[in-house]
C-alpha atoms as a PDB file:
ATOM      1  CA  MET A   1     134.249 111.484  69.575  1.00  0.00           C
ATOM      2  CA  ALA A   2     130.832 112.955  68.766  1.00  0.00           C
ATOM      3  CA  LEU A   3     129.688 109.566  67.444  1.00  0.00           C
ATOM      4  CA  ALA A   4     130.772 107.786  70.632  1.00  0.00           C
ATOM      5  CA  HIS A   5     129.046 110.473  72.703  1.00  0.00           C
ATOM      6  CA  SER A   6     125.802 109.945  70.747  1.00  0.00           C
ATOM      7  CA  ARG A   7     125.964 106.156  71.098  1.00  0.00           C
ATOM      8  CA  SER A   8     126.536 106.391  74.856  1.00  0.00           C
ATOM      9  CA  PHE A   9     123.550 108.622  75.417  1.00  0.00           C
ATOM     10  CA  SER A  10     121.411 106.393  73.165  1.00  0.00           C
ATOM     11  CA  ARG A  11     122.375 103.403  75.309  1.00  0.00           C
ATOM     12  CA  ALA A  12     121.474 105.322  78.464  1.00  0.00           C
ATOM     13  CA  ARG A  13     118.072 106.255  77.015  1.00  0.00           C
ATOM     14  CA  THR A  14     117.421 102.597  76.177  1.00  0.00           C
ATOM     15  CA  LEU A  15     118.161 101.551  79.746  1.00  0.00           C
ATOM     16  CA  ARG A  16     115.886 104.250  81.152  1.00  0.00           C
ATOM     17  CA  ARG A  17     113.073 103.191  78.819  1.00  0.00           C
ATOM     18  CA  ALA A  18     113.457  99.574  79.938  1.00  0.00           C
ATOM     19  CA  ALA A  19     113.158 100.678  83.562  1.00  0.00           C
ATOM     20  CA  VAL A  20     109.999 102.661  82.792  1.00  0.00           C
ATOM     21  CA  VAL A  21     108.433  99.682  80.994  1.00  0.00           C
ATOM     22  CA  ALA A  22     109.218  97.382  83.937  1.00  0.00           C
ATOM     23  CA  ALA A  23     107.677  99.840  86.386  1.00  0.00           C
ATOM     24  CA  ALA A  24     104.541 100.136  84.239  1.00  0.00           C
ATOM     25  CA  THR A  25     104.261  96.342  84.095  1.00  0.00           C
ATOM     26  CA  THR A  26     104.481  96.192  87.886  1.00  0.00           C
ATOM     27  CA  ALA A  27     101.740  98.782  88.272  1.00  0.00           C
ATOM     28  CA  ALA A  28      99.490  96.861  85.875  1.00  0.00           C
ATOM     29  CA  MET A  29     100.023  93.594  87.750  1.00  0.00           C
ATOM     30  CA  LEU A  30      99.221  95.214  91.074  1.00  0.00           C
ATOM     31  CA  LEU A  31      96.187  96.908  89.559  1.00  0.00           C
ATOM     32  CA  PHE A  32      94.713  93.623  88.339  1.00  0.00           C
ATOM     33  CA  ALA A  33      95.762  91.716  91.458  1.00  0.00           C
ATOM     34  CA  GLY A  34      94.131  94.283  93.771  1.00  0.00           C
ATOM     35  CA  PRO A  35      90.453  93.410  93.242  1.00  0.00           C
ATOM     36  CA  ALA A  36      91.186  89.688  93.663  1.00  0.00           C
ATOM     37  CA  LEU A  37      92.474  90.387  97.162  1.00  0.00           C
ATOM     38  CA  ALA A  38      89.359  92.384  98.082  1.00  0.00           C
ATOM     39  CA  HIS A  39      86.653  89.721  97.873  1.00  0.00           C
ATOM     40  CA  ILE A  40      84.599  88.519 100.835  1.00  0.00           C
ATOM     41  CA  THR A  41      86.080  85.429 102.519  1.00  0.00           C
ATOM     42  CA  VAL A  42      85.084  83.167 105.375  1.00  0.00           C
ATOM     43  CA  THR A  43      87.267  81.560 108.047  1.00  0.00           C
ATOM     44  CA  PRO A  44      88.027  78.883 108.966  1.00  0.00           C
ATOM     45  CA  GLY A  45      88.398  77.588 105.425  1.00  0.00           C
ATOM     46  CA  SER A  46      87.636  73.985 106.403  1.00  0.00           C
ATOM     47  CA  VAL A  47      85.839  72.237 109.261  1.00  0.00           C
ATOM     48  CA  PRO A  48      84.716  68.662 109.973  1.00  0.00           C
ATOM     49  CA  ALA A  49      81.262  67.900 108.626  1.00  0.00           C
ATOM     50  CA  GLY A  50      78.626  67.658 111.362  1.00  0.00           C
ATOM     51  CA  SER A  51      80.641  69.732 113.863  1.00  0.00           C
ATOM     52  CA  GLY A  52      79.892  73.142 115.284  1.00  0.00           C
ATOM     53  CA  ALA A  53      81.909  76.120 114.093  1.00  0.00           C
ATOM     54  CA  VAL A  54      82.187  79.877 114.477  1.00  0.00           C
ATOM     55  CA  LEU A  55      82.327  81.308 110.956  1.00  0.00           C
ATOM     56  CA  THR A  56      83.764  84.774 110.417  1.00  0.00           C
ATOM     57  CA  PHE A  57      83.002  86.660 107.211  1.00  0.00           C
ATOM     58  CA  HIS A  58      85.781  89.107 106.339  1.00  0.00           C
ATOM     59  CA  VAL A  59      84.325  92.019 104.341  1.00  0.00           C
ATOM     60  CA  PRO A  60      86.773  94.585 102.893  1.00  0.00           C
ATOM     61  CA  ASN A  61      85.773  97.756 101.065  1.00  0.00           C
ATOM     62  CA  GLU A  62      87.131  97.596  97.507  1.00  0.00           C
ATOM     63  CA  GLU A  63      85.702 100.953  96.374  1.00  0.00           C
ATOM     64  CA  ALA A  64      87.722 104.167  96.484  1.00  0.00           C
ATOM     65  CA  HIS A  65      84.862 106.665  96.892  1.00  0.00           C
ATOM     66  CA  ALA A  66      81.983 104.771  98.524  1.00  0.00           C
ATOM     67  CA  ASP A  67      81.235 103.040 101.840  1.00  0.00           C
ATOM     68  CA  THR A  68      79.921  99.513 102.274  1.00  0.00           C
ATOM     69  CA  VAL A  69      76.539  99.964 103.979  1.00  0.00           C
ATOM     70  CA  LYS A  70      74.964  96.508 103.710  1.00  0.00           C
ATOM     71  CA  VAL A  71      76.174  92.901 103.764  1.00  0.00           C
ATOM     72  CA  ASP A  72      73.797  90.055 102.933  1.00  0.00           C
ATOM     73  CA  VAL A  73      74.942  86.453 103.537  1.00  0.00           C
ATOM     74  CA  GLN A  74      72.755  83.609 102.283  1.00  0.00           C
ATOM     75  CA  ILE A  75      72.744  80.114 103.826  1.00  0.00           C
ATOM     76  CA  SER A  76      71.913  77.281 101.478  1.00  0.00           C
ATOM     77  CA  THR A  77      68.625  75.567 102.262  1.00  0.00           C
ATOM     78  CA  ASP A  78      69.646  72.447 100.347  1.00  0.00           C
ATOM     79  CA  TYR A  79      71.808  71.545 103.345  1.00  0.00           C
ATOM     80  CA  PRO A  80      70.351  73.717 106.124  1.00  0.00           C
ATOM     81  CA  ILE A  81      72.025  74.491 109.447  1.00  0.00           C
ATOM     82  CA  ALA A  82      69.784  73.705 112.412  1.00  0.00           C
ATOM     83  CA  GLN A  83      71.114  76.376 114.788  1.00  0.00           C
ATOM     84  CA  LEU A  84      72.684  79.560 113.451  1.00  0.00           C
ATOM     85  CA  LEU A  85      73.335  82.378 115.923  1.00  0.00           C
ATOM     86  CA  VAL A  86      74.586  85.858 114.942  1.00  0.00           C
ATOM     87  CA  GLU A  87      77.168  87.845 116.876  1.00  0.00           C
ATOM     88  CA  PRO A  88      76.220  91.528 117.393  1.00  0.00           C
ATOM     89  CA  VAL A  89      78.387  94.126 115.642  1.00  0.00           C
ATOM     90  CA  PRO A  90      78.457  97.657 117.117  1.00  0.00           C
ATOM     91  CA  GLY A  91      76.856 100.174 114.773  1.00  0.00           C
ATOM     92  CA  TRP A  92      75.138  97.538 112.624  1.00  0.00           C
ATOM     93  CA  SER A  93      71.551  96.275 112.638  1.00  0.00           C
ATOM     94  CA  ILE A  94      70.935  92.547 112.132  1.00  0.00           C
ATOM     95  CA  SER A  95      68.037  91.000 110.246  1.00  0.00           C
ATOM     96  CA  VAL A  96      67.648  87.199 110.257  1.00  0.00           C
ATOM     97  CA  ARG A  97      65.331  85.410 107.832  1.00  0.00           C
ATOM     98  CA  THR A  98      64.174  81.841 108.325  1.00  0.00           C
ATOM     99  CA  ILE A  99      62.323  79.228 106.307  1.00  0.00           C
ATOM    100  CA  THR A 100      60.154  76.286 107.257  1.00  0.00           C
ATOM    101  CA  LEU A 101      61.864  73.041 106.335  1.00  0.00           C
ATOM    102  CA  ALA A 102      60.049  70.440 104.282  1.00  0.00           C
ATOM    103  CA  LYS A 103      62.034  67.822 106.198  1.00  0.00           C
ATOM    104  CA  PRO A 104      62.869  68.621 109.844  1.00  0.00           C
ATOM    105  CA  ILE A 105      66.475  68.358 111.078  1.00  0.00           C
ATOM    106  CA  THR A 106      67.208  66.156 114.065  1.00  0.00           C
ATOM    107  CA  THR A 107      70.355  66.820 116.143  1.00  0.00           C
ATOM    108  CA  ASP A 108      71.544  66.107 119.685  1.00  0.00           C
ATOM    109  CA  ASP A 109      69.601  69.219 120.736  1.00  0.00           C
ATOM    110  CA  GLY A 110      66.309  68.027 119.291  1.00  0.00           C
ATOM    111  CA  THR A 111      64.281  68.403 116.115  1.00  0.00           C
ATOM    112  CA  PHE A 112      64.162  71.669 114.172  1.00  0.00           C
ATOM    113  CA  ASN A 113      61.417  72.595 111.716  1.00  0.00           C
ATOM    114  CA  GLN A 114      62.950  75.943 110.746  1.00  0.00           C
ATOM    115  CA  ALA A 115      66.414  77.100 109.664  1.00  0.00           C
ATOM    116  CA  VAL A 116      68.096  80.420 108.948  1.00  0.00           C
ATOM    117  CA  SER A 117      68.248  81.189 105.230  1.00  0.00           C
ATOM    118  CA  GLU A 118      69.706  84.709 105.267  1.00  0.00           C
ATOM    119  CA  VAL A 119      71.505  87.134 107.578  1.00  0.00           C
ATOM    120  CA  ILE A 120      71.597  90.849 106.718  1.00  0.00           C
ATOM    121  CA  TRP A 121      73.847  93.430 108.372  1.00  0.00           C
ATOM    122  CA  SER A 122      72.921  97.050 107.611  1.00  0.00           C
ATOM    123  CA  GLY A 123      73.076 100.585 109.006  1.00  0.00           C
ATOM    124  CA  GLY A 124      76.838 100.605 109.523  1.00  0.00           C
ATOM    125  CA  GLN A 125      79.714 101.795 107.368  1.00  0.00           C
ATOM    126  CA  ILE A 126      82.889 100.214 106.045  1.00  0.00           C
ATOM    127  CA  ARG A 127      84.932 103.082 104.667  1.00  0.00           C
ATOM    128  CA  PRO A 128      87.435 102.844 101.787  1.00  0.00           C
ATOM    129  CA  GLY A 129      90.616 101.151 102.904  1.00  0.00           C
ATOM    130  CA  GLN A 130      88.861  99.447 105.844  1.00  0.00           C
ATOM    131  CA  PHE A 131      87.203  96.090 106.571  1.00  0.00           C
ATOM    132  CA  GLN A 132      84.713  94.586 108.986  1.00  0.00           C
ATOM    133  CA  ASN A 133      84.277  91.066 110.362  1.00  0.00           C
ATOM    134  CA  PHE A 134      80.829  89.508 110.828  1.00  0.00           C
ATOM    135  CA  ALA A 135      80.602  86.257 112.808  1.00  0.00           C
ATOM    136  CA  VAL A 136      77.971  83.532 113.158  1.00  0.00           C
ATOM    137  CA  SER A 137      77.827  80.280 115.106  1.00  0.00           C
ATOM    138  CA  ALA A 138      76.777  77.314 112.972  1.00  0.00           C
ATOM    139  CA  ASP A 139      75.827  74.021 114.656  1.00  0.00           C
ATOM    140  CA  PRO A 140      76.045  71.510 113.174  1.00  0.00           C
ATOM    141  CA  MET A 141      77.744  72.069 109.830  1.00  0.00           C
ATOM    142  CA  PRO A 142      76.131  70.165 106.926  1.00  0.00           C
ATOM    143  CA  VAL A 143      76.902  66.505 106.256  1.00  0.00           C
ATOM    144  CA  GLY A 144      76.763  64.592 102.979  1.00  0.00           C
ATOM    145  CA  VAL A 145      78.368  67.435 100.984  1.00  0.00           C
ATOM    146  CA  SER A 146      82.018  68.427 100.355  1.00  0.00           C
ATOM    147  CA  GLN A 147      81.607  72.166 100.882  1.00  0.00           C
ATOM    148  CA  ALA A 148      79.285  74.776 102.322  1.00  0.00           C
ATOM    149  CA  VAL A 149      78.762  77.796 100.070  1.00  0.00           C
ATOM    150  CA  PHE A 150      77.651  81.127 101.540  1.00  0.00           C
ATOM    151  CA  LYS A 151      76.671  83.530  98.782  1.00  0.00           C
ATOM    152  CA  ALA A 152      77.209  87.160  99.791  1.00  0.00           C
ATOM    153  CA  ILE A 153      75.898  90.462  98.413  1.00  0.00           C
ATOM    154  CA  GLN A 154      77.766  93.690  99.196  1.00  0.00           C
ATOM    155  CA  THR A 155      75.989  97.044  98.791  1.00  0.00           C
ATOM    156  CA  TYR A 156      77.753 100.417  98.620  1.00  0.00           C
ATOM    157  CA  SER A 157      76.596 103.911  99.507  1.00  0.00           C
ATOM    158  CA  ASP A 158      76.694 104.962  95.839  1.00  0.00           C
ATOM    159  CA  GLY A 159      74.189 102.230  94.912  1.00  0.00           C
ATOM    160  CA  ASN A 160      76.752  99.820  93.504  1.00  0.00           C
ATOM    161  CA  VAL A 161      76.034  96.166  94.347  1.00  0.00           C
ATOM    162  CA  VAL A 162      78.669  93.408  94.129  1.00  0.00           C
ATOM    163  CA  ARG A 163      77.420  89.801  94.174  1.00  0.00           C
ATOM    164  CA  TRP A 164      79.940  87.327  95.562  1.00  0.00           C
ATOM    165  CA  ILE A 165      77.978  84.291  94.383  1.00  0.00           C
ATOM    166  CA  ASP A 166      80.177  82.399  91.904  1.00  0.00           C
ATOM    167  CA  VAL A 167      81.108  78.884  93.024  1.00  0.00           C
ATOM    168  CA  PRO A 168      84.687  77.772  92.185  1.00  0.00           C
ATOM    169  CA  GLN A 169      84.741  74.660  90.005  1.00  0.00           C
ATOM    170  CA  PRO A 170      87.586  72.082  89.933  1.00  0.00           C
ATOM    171  CA  GLY A 171      89.782  72.392  86.860  1.00  0.00           C
ATOM    172  CA  GLN A 172      88.414  75.815  85.929  1.00  0.00           C
ATOM    173  CA  ALA A 173      89.811  79.315  86.327  1.00  0.00           C
ATOM    174  CA  ALA A 174      88.977  81.092  89.563  1.00  0.00           C
ATOM    175  CA  PRO A 175      85.755  83.124  89.236  1.00  0.00           C
ATOM    176  CA  VAL A 176      85.849  86.908  89.365  1.00  0.00           C
ATOM    177  CA  HIS A 177      83.366  87.103  92.249  1.00  0.00           C
ATOM    178  CA  PRO A 178      83.806  83.877  94.242  1.00  0.00           C
ATOM    179  CA  ALA A 179      81.356  83.029  96.989  1.00  0.00           C
ATOM    180  CA  PRO A 180      82.763  82.448 100.493  1.00  0.00           C
ATOM    181  CA  THR A 181      83.231  78.697 100.787  1.00  0.00           C
ATOM    182  CA  VAL A 182      84.030  76.313 103.644  1.00  0.00           C
ATOM    183  CA  THR A 183      85.422  72.867 102.842  1.00  0.00           C
ATOM    184  CA  LEU A 184      83.780  70.075 104.853  1.00  0.00           C
ATOM    185  CA  THR A 185      86.124  67.292 105.861  1.00  0.00           C
ATOM    186  CA  THR A 186      85.445  63.857 107.310  1.00  0.00           C
ATOM    187  CA  ALA A 187      84.722  64.191 111.002  1.00  0.00           C
ATOM    188  CA  THR A 188      87.498  62.777 113.209  1.00  0.00           C
ATOM    189  CA  ALA A 189      85.944  63.859 116.518  1.00  0.00           C
ATOM    190  CA  PRO A 190      82.464  63.824 118.090  1.00  0.00           C
ATOM    191  CA  ALA A 191      79.967  65.929 116.149  1.00  0.00           C
ATOM    192  CA  ARG A 192      79.516  68.414 119.025  1.00  0.00           C
ATOM    193  CA  THR A 193      83.213  69.392 119.050  1.00  0.00           C
ATOM    194  CA  ALA A 194      83.280  73.084 118.150  1.00  0.00           C
ATOM    195  CA  VAL A 195      85.801  74.511 115.718  1.00  0.00           C
ATOM    196  CA  VAL A 196      86.690  77.944 117.045  1.00  0.00           C
ATOM    197  CA  GLY A 197      89.602  80.308 116.475  1.00  0.00           C
ATOM    198  CA  SER A 198      91.073  78.569 113.443  1.00  0.00           C
ATOM    199  CA  ALA A 199      93.655  80.463 111.443  1.00  0.00           C
ATOM    200  CA  PRO A 200      92.258  82.275 108.377  1.00  0.00           C
ATOM    201  CA  ALA A 201      92.326  80.070 105.324  1.00  0.00           C
ATOM    202  CA  GLY A 202      90.344  82.054 102.753  1.00  0.00           C
ATOM    203  CA  SER A 203      88.899  80.624  99.602  1.00  0.00           C
ATOM    204  CA  GLY A 204      90.699  78.731  96.876  1.00  0.00           C
ATOM    205  CA  THR A 205      91.480  81.930  94.943  1.00  0.00           C
ATOM    206  CA  ASP A 206      93.527  83.484  97.768  1.00  0.00           C
ATOM    207  CA  GLY A 207      96.617  81.493  96.762  1.00  0.00           C
ATOM    208  CA  LEU A 208      96.496  82.860  93.216  1.00  0.00           C
ATOM    209  CA  SER A 209      95.881  86.397  94.463  1.00  0.00           C
ATOM    210  CA  ARG A 210      98.801  86.263  96.870  1.00  0.00           C
ATOM    211  CA  ALA A 211     101.044  84.804  94.153  1.00  0.00           C
ATOM    212  CA  LEU A 212     100.135  87.676  91.808  1.00  0.00           C
ATOM    213  CA  ALA A 213     100.789  90.226  94.522  1.00  0.00           C
ATOM    214  CA  VAL A 214     104.193  88.706  95.367  1.00  0.00           C
ATOM    215  CA  ALA A 215     105.101  88.529  91.665  1.00  0.00           C
ATOM    216  CA  GLY A 216     104.119  92.167  91.265  1.00  0.00           C
ATOM    217  CA  LEU A 217     106.315  93.207  94.211  1.00  0.00           C
ATOM    218  CA  LEU A 218     109.265  91.247  92.834  1.00  0.00           C
ATOM    219  CA  VAL A 219     108.892  92.849  89.417  1.00  0.00           C
ATOM    220  CA  GLY A 220     108.670  96.238  91.111  1.00  0.00           C
ATOM    221  CA  LEU A 221     111.930  95.647  92.962  1.00  0.00           C
ATOM    222  CA  LEU A 222     113.605  94.559  89.742  1.00  0.00           C
ATOM    223  CA  ALA A 223     112.331  97.701  88.012  1.00  0.00           C
ATOM    224  CA  ILE A 224     113.779  99.893  90.755  1.00  0.00           C
ATOM    225  CA  LEU A 225     117.140  98.122  90.577  1.00  0.00           C
ATOM    226  CA  LEU A 226     117.150  98.449  86.786  1.00  0.00           C
ATOM    227  CA  ALA A 227     116.393 102.169  87.014  1.00  0.00           C
ATOM    228  CA  LEU A 228     119.217 102.714  89.523  1.00  0.00           C
ATOM    229  CA  THR A 229     121.631 100.719  87.369  1.00  0.00           C
ATOM    230  CA  ALA A 230     120.631 102.698  84.277  1.00  0.00           C
ATOM    231  CA  GLY A 231     121.235 105.979  86.106  1.00  0.00           C
ATOM    232  CA  ARG A 232     124.667 104.935  87.358  1.00  0.00           C
ATOM    233  CA  ARG A 233     125.659 103.620  83.926  1.00  0.00           C
ATOM    234  CA  ALA A 234     124.534 106.846  82.248  1.00  0.00           C
ATOM    235  CA  ARG A 235     126.600 108.924  84.691  1.00  0.00           C
ATOM    236  CA  ARG A 236     129.631 106.712  84.120  1.00  0.00           C
ATOM    237  CA  LEU A 237     129.263 106.961  80.347  1.00  0.00           C
ATOM    238  CA  THR A 238     128.980 110.745  80.543  1.00  0.00           C
ATOM    239  CA  ALA A 239     132.030 111.002  82.816  1.00  0.00           C
ATOM    240  CA  GLY A 240     134.041 108.697  80.518  1.00  0.00           C
ATOM    241  CA  ILE A 241     133.155 110.754  77.457  1.00  0.00           C
ATOM    242  CA  GLY A 242     134.246 113.974  79.217  1.00  0.00           C
ATOM    243  CA  ALA A 243     137.555 112.441  80.293  1.00  0.00           C
ATOM    244  CA  ARG A 244     138.277 111.177  76.778  1.00  0.00           C
ATOM    245  CA  ALA A 245     137.477 114.626  75.363  1.00  0.00           C
ATOM    246  CA  VAL A 246     139.961 116.312  77.725  1.00  0.00           C
ATOM    247  CA  THR A 247     142.683 113.754  76.937  1.00  0.00           C
ATOM    248  CA  THR A 248     142.146 114.137  73.179  1.00  0.00           C
ATOM    249  CA  ALA A 249     142.340 117.933  73.404  1.00  0.00           C
ATOM    250  CA  ALA A 250     145.603 117.784  75.368  1.00  0.00           C
ATOM    251  CA  THR A 251     147.143 115.383  72.849  1.00  0.00           C
ATOM    252  CA  ASP A 252     146.127 117.589  69.912  1.00  0.00           C
ATOM    253  CA  LEU A 253     147.618 120.648  71.629  1.00  0.00           C
ATOM    254  CA  ALA A 254     150.915 118.869  72.217  1.00  0.00           C
ATOM    255  CA  GLU A 255     151.172 117.708  68.615  1.00  0.00           C
ATOM    256  CA  THR A 256     150.448 121.233  67.350  1.00  0.00           C
ATOM    257  CA  GLY A 257     153.177 122.647  69.599  1.00  0.00           C
ATOM    258  CA  GLU A 258     155.769 120.184  68.322  1.00  0.00           C
ATOM    259  CA  LYS A 259     155.014 121.070  64.705  1.00  0.00           C
ATOM    260  CA  SER A 260     155.227 124.844  65.257  1.00  0.00           C
ATOM    261  CA  GLY A 261     158.118 124.801  67.695  1.00  0.00           C
ATOM    262  CA  ALA A 262     156.355 127.241  69.960  1.00  0.00           C
ATOM    263  CA  GLY A 263     155.287 124.586  72.361  1.00  0.00           C
ATOM    264  CA  VAL A 264     158.764 122.974  72.800  1.00  0.00           C
ATOM    265  CA  PRO A 265     159.753 123.153  76.458  1.00  0.00           C
ATOM    266  CA  ALA A 266     162.744 125.373  77.390  1.00  0.00           C
ATOM    267  CA  THR A 267     164.610 122.410  78.831  1.00  0.00           C
ATOM    268  CA  ALA A 268     164.428 120.673  75.454  1.00  0.00           C
ATOM    269  CA  GLN A 269     165.826 123.780  73.727  1.00  0.00           C
ATOM    270  CA  ALA A 270     168.623 124.028  76.248  1.00  0.00           C
ATOM    271  CA  GLY A 271     169.464 120.398  75.629  1.00  0.00           C
ATOM    272  CA  ALA A 272     169.659 121.069  71.897  1.00  0.00           C
ATOM    273  CA  ARG A 273     172.066 123.985  72.481  1.00  0.00           C
ATOM    274  CA  GLN A 274     174.235 121.775  74.645  1.00  0.00           C
ATOM    275  CA  ASP A 275     174.305 119.164  71.892  1.00  0.00           C
ATOM    276  CA  ARG A 276     175.590 121.774  69.429  1.00  0.00           C
ATOM    277  CA  ALA A 277     178.205 123.172  71.831  1.00  0.00           C
ATOM    278  CA  PRO A 278     180.715 120.282  71.584  1.00  0.00           C
ATOM    279  CA  ALA A 279     180.739 120.534  67.803  1.00  0.00           C
ATOM    280  CA  ASN A 280     181.669 124.281  67.941  1.00  0.00           C
ATOM    281  CA  THR A 281     184.473 123.603  70.456  1.00  0.00           C
ATOM    282  CA  LYS A 282     186.061 120.958  68.256  1.00  0.00           C
ATOM    283  CA  ALA A 283     186.058 123.342  65.251  1.00  0.00           C
ATOM    284  CA  SER A 284     187.870 126.034  67.284  1.00  0.00           C
ATOM    285  CA  ALA A 285     190.562 123.569  68.393  1.00  0.00           C
ATOM    286  CA  ARG A 286     191.312 122.549  64.792  1.00  0.00           C
ATOM    287  CA  ARG A 287     191.717 126.190  63.721  1.00  0.00           C
ATOM    288  CA  SER A 288     194.231 126.797  66.568  1.00  0.00           C
ATOM    289  CA  GLN A 289     196.379 123.820  65.573  1.00  0.00           C
ATOM    290  CA  SER A 290     196.457 125.040  61.939  1.00  0.00           C
ATOM    291  CA  ARG A 291     197.846 128.435  63.009  1.00  0.00           C
ATOM    292  CA  ARG A 292     200.669 126.860  65.022  1.00  0.00           C
ATOM    293  CA  ARG A 293     201.807 124.717  62.111  1.00  0.00           C
ATOM    294  CA  GLY A 294     201.787 127.715  59.818  1.00  0.00           C
END
């Protein structure tokens, strides 16, 4: 019985350890998936080349003990945007830098010798666990290229600087700090058609990040179920061991009573006396018949 008791508790400990390992794996997956979900993205994720669009930069704070105090978005001058207007953000100051183009840009609105190369938002705060959206109007979007890359630099109140400047490459792993990127598709409408209010699409790494987060949640649920199952099984094993111990003790007591005679029920003893009674009666009858013949 002691051996079975030991094996049952060993099995219960194994199940509990498996549940702990699964929970730790879930925490690790969520820990590594977290930063991937916190990068700066731009929406919409794709627009027709040559069209106008309102681009919104989604900036979350990924630090636990510092505020985001400055956001710097750079516009490529290889494929400049003729007209780029910045939407005001309450509590933030806006600084716009321009360059003189070596080759002027001609659009339906005329010819432009200068273009915006950088937009800087500063003076505000994005606290831990919060985000802020910064929007610009770009008209027209570049043509002759498959994507528009907007490198972003995020500065924190503790002096930490995160550079979201890596460009995703086809066939390669997603970069750790991807730059916000807009895919440029073939225009199917007049160039002046504005693309406004599109649903957020994010960059190419969002799909992987979401998949990791979902996988982590699923593993977490499995870990919880495994822990609950281990607890119930341990309780059942303990209860079964106790019941078997009681049954074994009762059986041993009964066997001891039968051997000693002290534990024989009174009804059984009475039955034994009744079994002996007929034999005594027959002996008395034979003695009476012997006297009569004599």
